[in-house]
Amino acid sequence: MMEPLVNRFEGGQSSLKNRVLKASPPAVLTSGYLVLIIFGASILKLPLSTTQSITWLEALFTSTSAVTVTGLVVVDTGTRYTVFGQTVIALLIQAGGLGFMTFSVLTILSMGKRIGVRHQILALEAFNQTSLDKVRLVARAVVYFALAIESIAFVLLTLIWSGEMDWHHAAFHAFFYSLSAFNNAGFGLSADNLSPYVGHVPVNLIISSLFIIGGLGFAVLLDLWQTRRRWRRLQPYTKLMLGATVIINLGAWLLIWLFEHHNAATIANLPLAGQLTASWFQAVTPRTAGFNTLPIESLTDPTALLMIVLMFIGGGSMSTAGGIKLGTFVVMFMTTYAFLSRSDDVTMMRRSVQRNVVMKAFSVSVIYMMLVIVGTMALSALEGAPLLDILFEVVSALSTVGLSRALTTELSIAGQWLIMILMFVGRLGPLTAAYVIATPQKRRVRYPSVDIQVG
């Protein structure tokens, strides 16, 4: 009697396992993030997590924002959540930033088990790699780099903040901000984020360094470590990312200072050193993190538009940042340059860019722009806010940045659901989200070419 039941149970387990393994990698990634979000919301809803009761929607919004490392909030993190709740948020940020696939692969490797073919496909998809050996290396490096960099920042911030608060509060603030900054989350323990430190150079440099490093991508960090930071030995992609990051950050720094140095609501009343510090922080935070030292709603329109562009671009691939990714933007720019210069090949760093990479770059950008347009129209229909504020909110959510022109806390219930969807889709990535809806299949039939007039 027991044997048939056991066989039936084992058969059911085998069937469930087969269904899981047959699921497409993007579908498994999507399910993993959903489970993590729901689990986080359930913990945050507990009385132990809050100083006063919050709704299920507020808990779900916070959990979604934390797991997607965005930073948009509908309730104040510092006052509405207890230390336990804030710790849960920090751990959700860490899990969402590093990715649950990192921990999954590390767990399998630590148990000494070989990764099956379908697990290999899932791991390669998650880490955007072509070799399983590289996946193993990157999976370990992700955790090692994260813990090492966060630990250094934790010590430095604890020493700085111990001068203005007791040691255990300073240590907890350092712990929370180290995880939030490195994972590009933008969560703060103060309602005005980091505005009290607008002219504090050490805090600005440490926090901005954390999210810039986290936004470069773990492949870049690994290459820098392996080559001992020798420029000639770096991979072309690493050189591209470092060069593009420096150019875009310095350019944005100069533009924001020019746009804001006469604005009395932001930096006009600060000394020159304070103006430059504040301009630097707001120049580098939109592409990756959601911290702010200035009131975002008080920025001039040119600055707000520039920040929307920076949020659109985002950080590096395989990083904790969002957006279309800096590499995607560079490929699109160089493709346009190649077309205007009548070149048959797209080249950079003395290398030719493959056609499928160009197609992927434009596909990601088109899908992203379509999501921005649809999201902006939908949120405009739901909320009575100015269009600039609506567009800013949509791009911030989709790029998992977390900056807001004081709109998030004013959102309706429908508006909150829309922002949660945008944050979730933005964390998965436009292409991954599209693959979940319709997994691509290779066509075996080739059709004759046709000349289509464009431009």
Protein backbone atom coordinates (compact mmCIF):
# COMPACT_ATOMS: atom_id res chain seq x y z
CA MET A 1 0.00 0.00 0.00
CA MET A 2 2.82 2.37 0.94
CA GLU A 3 4.92 1.58 -2.14
CA PRO A 4 2.42 2.95 -4.70
CA LEU A 5 2.02 6.11 -2.59
CA VAL A 6 5.76 6.59 -2.40
CA ASN A 7 6.14 6.01 -6.12
CA ARG A 8 3.31 8.45 -6.83
CA PHE A 9 4.93 11.07 -4.57
CA GLU A 10 8.33 10.59 -6.19
CA GLY A 11 6.70 10.71 -9.60
CA GLY A 12 5.00 13.99 -8.66
CA GLN A 13 8.29 15.43 -7.47
CA SER A 14 10.01 14.36 -10.69
CA SER A 15 7.21 15.90 -12.77
CA LEU A 16 7.43 19.18 -10.85
CA LYS A 17 11.22 19.20 -11.22
CA ASN A 18 10.95 18.61 -14.95
CA ARG A 19 8.44 21.44 -15.34
CA VAL A 20 10.77 23.80 -13.45
CA LEU A 21 13.79 22.81 -15.52
CA LYS A 22 11.87 23.15 -18.78
CA ALA A 23 10.87 26.72 -17.95
CA SER A 24 12.78 29.39 -19.85
CA PRO A 25 15.62 31.10 -17.93
CA PRO A 26 13.86 34.51 -17.94
CA ALA A 27 10.71 32.87 -16.55
CA VAL A 28 12.68 31.27 -13.71
CA LEU A 29 14.41 34.57 -12.96
CA THR A 30 11.07 36.35 -12.94
CA SER A 31 9.55 33.77 -10.59
CA GLY A 32 12.53 34.03 -8.25
CA TYR A 33 12.21 37.79 -7.91
CA LEU A 34 8.45 37.54 -7.39
CA VAL A 35 8.87 35.01 -4.59
CA LEU A 36 11.51 37.21 -2.95
CA ILE A 37 9.25 40.28 -3.16
CA ILE A 38 6.24 38.48 -1.66
CA PHE A 39 8.39 36.97 1.08
CA GLY A 40 9.84 40.39 1.90
CA ALA A 41 6.41 42.03 2.00
CA SER A 42 5.16 39.35 4.40
CA ILE A 43 8.04 40.01 6.80
CA LEU A 44 7.63 43.80 6.57
CA LYS A 45 3.92 43.50 7.36
CA LEU A 46 4.69 41.92 10.76
CA PRO A 47 4.18 44.18 13.81
CA LEU A 48 7.83 43.51 14.68
CA SER A 49 8.90 45.36 11.51
CA THR A 50 6.99 48.62 11.92
CA THR A 51 6.53 51.36 14.48
CA GLN A 52 2.92 51.72 13.39
CA SER A 53 0.77 49.50 11.21
CA ILE A 54 1.19 49.70 7.44
CA THR A 55 -1.06 48.34 4.71
CA TRP A 56 -0.26 45.30 2.59
CA LEU A 57 0.15 47.61 -0.39
CA GLU A 58 2.73 49.73 1.46
CA ALA A 59 4.63 46.60 2.51
CA LEU A 60 4.53 45.23 -1.04
CA PHE A 61 5.66 48.56 -2.50
CA THR A 62 8.61 48.75 -0.08
CA SER A 63 9.60 45.14 -0.73
CA THR A 64 9.39 45.62 -4.51
CA SER A 65 11.47 48.78 -4.30
CA ALA A 66 14.08 47.03 -2.13
CA VAL A 67 14.36 43.83 -4.20
CA THR A 68 14.53 45.83 -7.44
CA VAL A 69 17.13 48.10 -5.74
CA THR A 70 15.16 51.22 -6.67
CA GLY A 71 14.60 53.31 -3.55
CA LEU A 72 11.18 54.83 -4.21
CA VAL A 73 9.11 54.77 -1.01
CA VAL A 74 5.53 55.54 -0.01
CA VAL A 75 6.30 55.51 3.74
CA ASP A 76 9.39 56.90 5.44
CA THR A 77 11.95 54.15 6.02
CA GLY A 78 13.56 55.81 9.02
CA THR A 79 10.40 56.43 11.07
CA ARG A 80 7.82 53.84 9.96
CA TYR A 81 10.08 50.80 10.21
CA THR A 82 11.83 49.44 13.29
CA VAL A 83 15.49 48.45 13.33
CA PHE A 84 14.34 44.92 12.50
CA GLY A 85 12.28 46.17 9.56
CA GLN A 86 15.14 48.34 8.32
CA THR A 87 17.47 45.34 8.55
CA VAL A 88 15.02 43.29 6.49
CA ILE A 89 14.96 46.05 3.88
CA ALA A 90 18.77 46.12 3.81
CA LEU A 91 18.93 42.33 3.31
CA LEU A 92 16.30 42.50 0.56
CA ILE A 93 18.43 45.15 -1.14
CA GLN A 94 21.49 42.91 -0.90
CA ALA A 95 19.62 39.90 -2.25
CA GLY A 96 18.05 41.88 -5.08
CA GLY A 97 21.25 43.72 -5.93
CA LEU A 98 23.54 40.72 -6.14
CA GLY A 99 20.77 38.59 -7.61
CA PHE A 100 19.31 35.40 -6.28
CA MET A 101 21.05 33.49 -9.09
CA THR A 102 24.41 34.35 -7.52
CA PHE A 103 23.43 32.66 -4.29
CA SER A 104 21.84 29.73 -6.14
CA VAL A 105 24.98 29.00 -8.17
CA LEU A 106 27.22 29.42 -5.12
CA THR A 107 25.04 27.01 -3.14
CA ILE A 108 25.23 24.37 -5.86
CA LEU A 109 29.00 24.81 -6.19
CA SER A 110 29.57 24.65 -2.43
CA MET A 111 27.64 21.36 -2.29
CA GLY A 112 29.99 19.93 -4.87
CA LYS A 113 27.23 19.13 -7.36
CA ARG A 114 27.60 19.43 -11.10
CA ILE A 115 25.27 21.90 -12.72
CA GLY A 116 22.96 20.27 -15.23
CA VAL A 117 22.54 21.49 -18.80
CA ARG A 118 19.36 23.48 -18.12
CA HIS A 119 20.85 24.92 -14.93
CA GLN A 120 23.86 25.91 -17.04
CA ILE A 121 21.60 27.77 -19.46
CA LEU A 122 19.89 29.52 -16.55
CA ALA A 123 23.23 30.53 -15.00
CA LEU A 124 24.62 31.76 -18.34
CA GLU A 125 21.46 33.80 -18.91
CA ALA A 126 21.65 35.35 -15.45
CA PHE A 127 25.31 36.32 -15.72
CA ASN A 128 25.29 37.16 -19.43
CA GLN A 129 28.23 34.78 -20.00
CA THR A 130 29.08 32.13 -22.60
CA SER A 131 31.26 29.87 -20.46
CA LEU A 132 30.25 28.01 -17.31
CA ASP A 133 33.78 28.39 -15.94
CA LYS A 134 33.28 32.13 -16.14
CA VAL A 135 29.96 31.81 -14.36
CA ARG A 136 31.64 30.02 -11.45
CA LEU A 137 34.35 32.67 -11.31
CA VAL A 138 31.96 35.60 -11.54
CA ALA A 139 29.50 34.07 -9.05
CA ARG A 140 32.23 33.90 -6.41
CA ALA A 141 33.66 37.27 -7.37
CA VAL A 142 30.26 38.97 -7.03
CA VAL A 143 30.01 38.02 -3.36
CA TYR A 144 33.70 38.58 -2.56
CA PHE A 145 33.79 42.05 -4.13
CA ALA A 146 30.48 43.08 -2.59
CA LEU A 147 31.42 42.03 0.95
CA ALA A 148 34.92 43.52 0.71
CA ILE A 149 33.79 46.91 -0.64
CA GLU A 150 30.80 47.14 1.69
CA SER A 151 33.00 46.26 4.68
CA ILE A 152 35.49 49.03 3.89
CA ALA A 153 32.68 51.56 3.48
CA PHE A 154 31.06 50.31 6.70
CA VAL A 155 34.22 51.01 8.71
CA LEU A 156 34.77 54.45 7.17
CA LEU A 157 31.15 55.59 7.60
CA THR A 158 31.05 54.28 11.17
CA LEU A 159 34.11 56.35 12.05
CA ILE A 160 32.61 59.45 10.43
CA TRP A 161 29.13 59.15 11.97
CA SER A 162 30.42 58.15 15.42
CA GLY A 163 31.26 61.82 15.88
CA GLU A 164 27.61 62.85 15.71
CA MET A 165 25.76 59.82 17.16
CA ASP A 166 26.51 56.92 19.52
CA TRP A 167 28.48 53.95 18.24
CA HIS A 168 25.67 51.45 17.73
CA HIS A 169 23.55 53.98 15.82
CA ALA A 170 26.58 55.01 13.76
CA ALA A 171 27.36 51.37 12.99
CA PHE A 172 23.79 50.58 11.95
CA HIS A 173 23.60 53.68 9.72
CA ALA A 174 26.92 52.68 8.16
CA PHE A 175 25.68 49.13 7.61
CA PHE A 176 22.42 50.27 6.01
CA TYR A 177 23.93 52.94 3.75
CA SER A 178 26.84 50.71 2.68
CA LEU A 179 24.45 48.03 1.41
CA SER A 180 22.02 50.56 -0.04
CA ALA A 181 24.72 52.54 -1.86
CA PHE A 182 26.76 49.63 -3.26
CA ASN A 183 23.60 47.96 -4.52
CA ASN A 184 22.41 51.25 -6.05
CA ALA A 185 19.20 51.20 -4.04
CA GLY A 186 18.93 54.78 -2.80
CA PHE A 187 17.11 53.88 0.44
CA GLY A 188 17.87 56.29 3.29
CA LEU A 189 17.09 56.45 6.99
CA SER A 190 16.07 60.10 6.82
CA ALA A 191 13.05 61.66 5.12
CA ASP A 192 15.33 64.10 3.29
CA ASN A 193 17.77 61.32 2.33
CA LEU A 194 21.36 62.68 2.46
CA SER A 195 20.46 66.38 2.27
CA PRO A 196 22.03 67.11 5.71
CA TYR A 197 25.38 66.10 4.17
CA VAL A 198 25.12 68.27 1.06
CA GLY A 199 28.55 69.83 1.69
CA HIS A 200 30.12 66.94 3.61
CA VAL A 201 32.95 65.86 1.29
CA PRO A 202 33.88 62.51 2.96
CA VAL A 203 30.27 61.25 3.06
CA ASN A 204 29.65 62.41 -0.52
CA LEU A 205 32.82 60.73 -1.80
CA ILE A 206 32.25 57.44 0.05
CA ILE A 207 28.59 57.08 -0.93
CA SER A 208 29.17 58.14 -4.56
CA SER A 209 32.19 55.83 -4.84
CA LEU A 210 30.07 52.94 -3.61
CA PHE A 211 27.34 53.31 -6.19
CA ILE A 212 29.75 54.15 -9.02
CA ILE A 213 31.75 50.98 -8.29
CA GLY A 214 28.55 48.96 -7.95
CA GLY A 215 27.30 50.41 -11.23
CA LEU A 216 30.40 49.46 -13.24
CA GLY A 217 29.51 45.77 -13.32
CA PHE A 218 31.18 42.78 -11.73
CA ALA A 219 32.85 41.74 -14.99
CA VAL A 220 34.70 45.07 -15.01
CA LEU A 221 35.67 44.75 -11.35
CA LEU A 222 36.90 41.19 -11.92
CA ASP A 223 38.97 42.27 -14.93
CA LEU A 224 40.53 45.12 -12.93
CA TRP A 225 41.42 42.70 -10.15
CA GLN A 226 42.89 40.03 -12.42
CA THR A 227 45.00 42.46 -14.45
CA ARG A 228 46.11 44.39 -11.36
CA ARG A 229 44.59 47.53 -12.93
CA ARG A 230 47.16 47.62 -15.76
CA TRP A 231 45.49 49.52 -18.62
CA ARG A 232 47.14 47.59 -21.46
CA ARG A 233 46.01 44.24 -20.13
CA LEU A 234 42.38 45.24 -19.59
CA GLN A 235 39.62 43.84 -21.79
CA PRO A 236 38.24 46.26 -24.42
CA TYR A 237 34.86 46.27 -22.67
CA THR A 238 36.49 47.27 -19.38
CA LYS A 239 38.34 50.14 -21.06
CA LEU A 240 35.12 51.20 -22.76
CA MET A 241 33.18 51.21 -19.49
CA LEU A 242 35.83 53.11 -17.56
CA GLY A 243 36.33 55.70 -20.29
CA ALA A 244 32.61 56.23 -20.90
CA THR A 245 31.91 56.46 -17.16
CA VAL A 246 34.54 59.16 -16.68
CA ILE A 247 33.35 61.18 -19.68
CA ILE A 248 29.64 61.04 -18.86
CA ASN A 249 30.17 61.76 -15.13
CA LEU A 250 32.44 64.75 -15.73
CA GLY A 251 30.14 66.11 -18.43
CA ALA A 252 27.06 65.80 -16.23
CA TRP A 253 28.95 67.38 -13.31
CA LEU A 254 29.78 70.47 -15.35
CA LEU A 255 26.28 70.81 -16.82
CA ILE A 256 24.49 70.49 -13.48
CA TRP A 257 26.72 73.13 -11.93
CA LEU A 258 26.03 75.46 -14.86
CA PHE A 259 22.27 74.84 -14.62
CA GLU A 260 22.06 75.19 -10.83
CA HIS A 261 24.71 77.66 -9.62
CA HIS A 262 22.18 80.52 -9.84
CA ASN A 263 19.31 78.50 -8.30
CA ALA A 264 18.73 79.75 -4.75
CA ALA A 265 16.56 76.70 -3.98
CA THR A 266 19.50 74.31 -4.52
CA ILE A 267 23.17 75.39 -4.52
CA ALA A 268 23.31 79.16 -5.13
CA ASN A 269 23.73 79.90 -1.40
CA LEU A 270 26.51 77.35 -0.92
CA PRO A 271 30.23 78.20 -1.15
CA LEU A 272 31.97 77.16 -4.36
CA ALA A 273 33.33 73.96 -2.78
CA GLY A 274 29.83 73.06 -1.58
CA GLN A 275 28.36 73.81 -5.01
CA LEU A 276 30.87 71.54 -6.71
CA THR A 277 30.33 68.76 -4.15
CA ALA A 278 26.53 68.92 -4.48
CA SER A 279 26.73 69.12 -8.29
CA TRP A 280 29.02 66.10 -8.39
CA PHE A 281 26.72 64.00 -6.24
CA GLN A 282 23.62 64.85 -8.28
CA ALA A 283 25.55 64.23 -11.51
CA VAL A 284 26.57 60.68 -10.65
CA THR A 285 23.52 59.48 -8.71
CA PRO A 286 20.92 59.41 -11.57
CA ARG A 287 22.67 56.73 -13.63
CA THR A 288 22.85 54.30 -10.78
CA ALA A 289 21.55 55.16 -7.31
CA GLY A 290 18.63 57.12 -5.93
CA PHE A 291 20.33 59.17 -3.24
CA ASN A 292 20.05 62.93 -3.23
CA THR A 293 21.64 65.79 -1.31
CA LEU A 294 19.42 68.41 -2.98
CA PRO A 295 15.60 68.65 -3.18
CA ILE A 296 14.91 67.05 -6.57
CA GLU A 297 11.63 68.94 -7.02
CA SER A 298 13.55 72.25 -6.72
CA LEU A 299 16.00 71.53 -9.53
CA THR A 300 15.68 73.55 -12.72
CA ASP A 301 13.96 71.98 -15.72
CA PRO A 302 17.25 71.59 -17.71
CA THR A 303 18.75 69.68 -14.77
CA ALA A 304 15.65 67.50 -14.44
CA LEU A 305 15.75 66.67 -18.16
CA LEU A 306 19.47 65.89 -17.97
CA MET A 307 18.84 63.56 -15.04
CA ILE A 308 16.11 61.79 -17.02
CA VAL A 309 18.65 61.16 -19.80
CA LEU A 310 21.20 59.90 -17.27
CA MET A 311 18.61 57.59 -15.69
CA PHE A 312 17.72 56.33 -19.17
CA ILE A 313 21.37 55.41 -19.83
CA GLY A 314 21.99 53.72 -16.50
CA GLY A 315 25.11 51.82 -15.42
CA GLY A 316 27.04 48.80 -16.64
CA SER A 317 25.83 45.34 -17.58
CA MET A 318 25.97 42.72 -14.80
CA SER A 319 25.86 45.52 -12.27
CA THR A 320 23.45 46.63 -9.58
CA ALA A 321 22.38 49.59 -11.76
CA GLY A 322 19.41 49.87 -14.12
CA GLY A 323 18.67 51.71 -17.36
CA ILE A 324 19.41 50.51 -20.87
CA LYS A 325 23.04 50.19 -19.69
CA LEU A 326 26.01 52.34 -20.62
CA GLY A 327 27.40 49.75 -23.06
CA THR A 328 24.08 49.77 -24.93
CA PHE A 329 24.17 53.56 -25.20
CA VAL A 330 27.77 53.53 -26.49
CA VAL A 331 26.96 50.88 -29.13
CA MET A 332 23.98 52.95 -30.33
CA PHE A 333 26.10 56.10 -30.45
CA MET A 334 28.93 54.40 -32.35
CA THR A 335 26.45 52.76 -34.76
CA THR A 336 25.00 56.18 -35.55
CA TYR A 337 28.50 57.56 -36.03
CA ALA A 338 29.39 54.66 -38.37
CA PHE A 339 26.26 55.33 -40.44
CA LEU A 340 26.96 59.06 -40.72
CA SER A 341 30.59 58.40 -41.67
CA ARG A 342 29.49 55.86 -44.34
CA SER A 343 31.33 53.01 -42.62
CA ASP A 344 30.24 49.42 -43.16
CA ASP A 345 31.41 48.31 -39.71
CA VAL A 346 30.74 49.59 -36.21
CA THR A 347 34.13 49.81 -34.53
CA MET A 348 35.37 50.86 -31.11
CA MET A 349 38.60 50.23 -29.23
CA ARG A 350 40.02 48.85 -32.52
CA ARG A 351 37.41 46.10 -32.49
CA SER A 352 34.38 45.47 -34.69
CA VAL A 353 31.01 45.20 -32.99
CA GLN A 354 29.01 42.14 -34.03
CA ARG A 355 25.71 42.65 -35.82
CA ASN A 356 23.68 40.80 -33.18
CA VAL A 357 25.11 43.11 -30.50
CA VAL A 358 23.97 46.16 -32.48
CA MET A 359 20.51 44.64 -32.93
CA LYS A 360 20.29 43.83 -29.23
CA ALA A 361 21.31 47.37 -28.29
CA PHE A 362 18.64 48.95 -30.46
CA SER A 363 16.03 46.39 -29.39
CA VAL A 364 16.66 47.09 -25.70
CA SER A 365 16.43 50.83 -26.32
CA VAL A 366 13.24 50.63 -28.38
CA ILE A 367 11.50 48.38 -25.84
CA TYR A 368 12.65 50.68 -23.06
CA MET A 369 11.36 53.81 -24.83
CA MET A 370 8.03 52.12 -25.52
CA LEU A 371 7.72 51.27 -21.83
CA VAL A 372 8.53 54.87 -20.91
CA ILE A 373 5.88 56.20 -23.30
CA VAL A 374 3.19 53.76 -22.18
CA GLY A 375 4.08 54.25 -18.52
CA THR A 376 4.02 58.04 -18.84
CA MET A 377 0.65 58.03 -20.57
CA ALA A 378 -0.82 55.64 -18.00
CA LEU A 379 0.50 57.54 -14.99
CA SER A 380 -0.63 60.85 -16.50
CA ALA A 381 -4.13 59.43 -16.80
CA LEU A 382 -4.06 58.27 -13.18
CA GLU A 383 -2.40 61.25 -11.49
CA GLY A 384 -2.92 65.00 -11.78
CA ALA A 385 0.77 65.91 -11.59
CA PRO A 386 2.81 67.97 -14.08
CA LEU A 387 4.11 66.03 -17.07
CA LEU A 388 7.77 66.57 -16.13
CA ASP A 389 7.16 65.05 -12.70
CA ILE A 390 5.29 62.12 -14.26
CA LEU A 391 8.05 61.44 -16.82
CA PHE A 392 10.72 61.73 -14.13
CA GLU A 393 8.88 59.24 -11.89
CA VAL A 394 8.36 56.72 -14.70
CA VAL A 395 11.98 56.77 -15.89
CA SER A 396 13.23 56.62 -12.30
CA ALA A 397 11.10 53.55 -11.58
CA LEU A 398 11.89 51.79 -14.86
CA SER A 399 15.61 52.50 -14.46
CA THR A 400 15.45 51.38 -10.80
CA VAL A 401 17.01 54.68 -9.73
CA GLY A 402 14.70 55.86 -6.95
CA LEU A 403 14.78 59.63 -7.40
CA SER A 404 11.46 61.47 -7.31
CA ARG A 405 10.16 65.00 -7.65
CA ALA A 406 8.07 64.50 -4.47
CA LEU A 407 5.46 62.48 -6.38
CA THR A 408 5.84 58.94 -4.98
CA THR A 409 4.13 59.60 -1.63
CA GLU A 410 1.23 61.32 -3.45
CA LEU A 411 0.47 58.43 -5.79
CA SER A 412 -2.98 56.85 -5.88
CA ILE A 413 -3.39 53.11 -5.31
CA ALA A 414 -3.47 52.50 -9.07
CA GLY A 415 -0.41 54.72 -9.48
CA GLN A 416 1.50 52.72 -6.86
CA TRP A 417 0.69 49.46 -8.66
CA LEU A 418 1.90 50.93 -11.95
CA ILE A 419 5.18 52.11 -10.40
CA MET A 420 5.69 48.66 -8.83
CA ILE A 421 5.25 47.03 -12.24
CA LEU A 422 7.72 49.46 -13.80
CA MET A 423 10.29 48.80 -11.06
CA PHE A 424 9.91 45.05 -11.50
CA VAL A 425 10.20 45.18 -15.29
CA GLY A 426 13.16 47.55 -15.01
CA ARG A 427 15.01 45.16 -12.71
CA LEU A 428 14.44 42.21 -15.01
CA GLY A 429 15.52 44.21 -18.03
CA PRO A 430 13.45 45.06 -21.12
CA LEU A 431 14.66 42.08 -23.17
CA THR A 432 14.16 39.59 -20.34
CA ALA A 433 10.63 40.88 -19.81
CA ALA A 434 9.93 40.53 -23.54
CA TYR A 435 11.34 36.98 -23.53
CA VAL A 436 8.99 36.02 -20.70
CA ILE A 437 6.03 37.08 -22.83
CA ALA A 438 7.28 35.50 -26.04
CA THR A 439 10.36 33.28 -25.96
CA PRO A 440 12.23 33.89 -29.24
CA GLN A 441 12.52 31.04 -31.74
CA LYS A 442 14.97 30.83 -34.61
CA ARG A 443 13.39 30.83 -38.04
CA ARG A 444 14.50 28.12 -40.46
CA VAL A 445 13.19 30.00 -43.49
CA ARG A 446 15.05 32.98 -44.95
CA TYR A 447 13.08 35.48 -47.01
CA PRO A 448 14.29 37.69 -49.88
CA SER A 449 15.57 41.10 -48.79
CA VAL A 450 13.48 44.21 -49.38
CA ASP A 451 14.46 47.87 -49.58
CA ILE A 452 12.57 49.95 -46.99
CA GLN A 453 12.89 53.74 -47.01
CA VAL A 454 13.71 55.16 -43.58
CA GLY A 455 14.73 58.59 -42.34
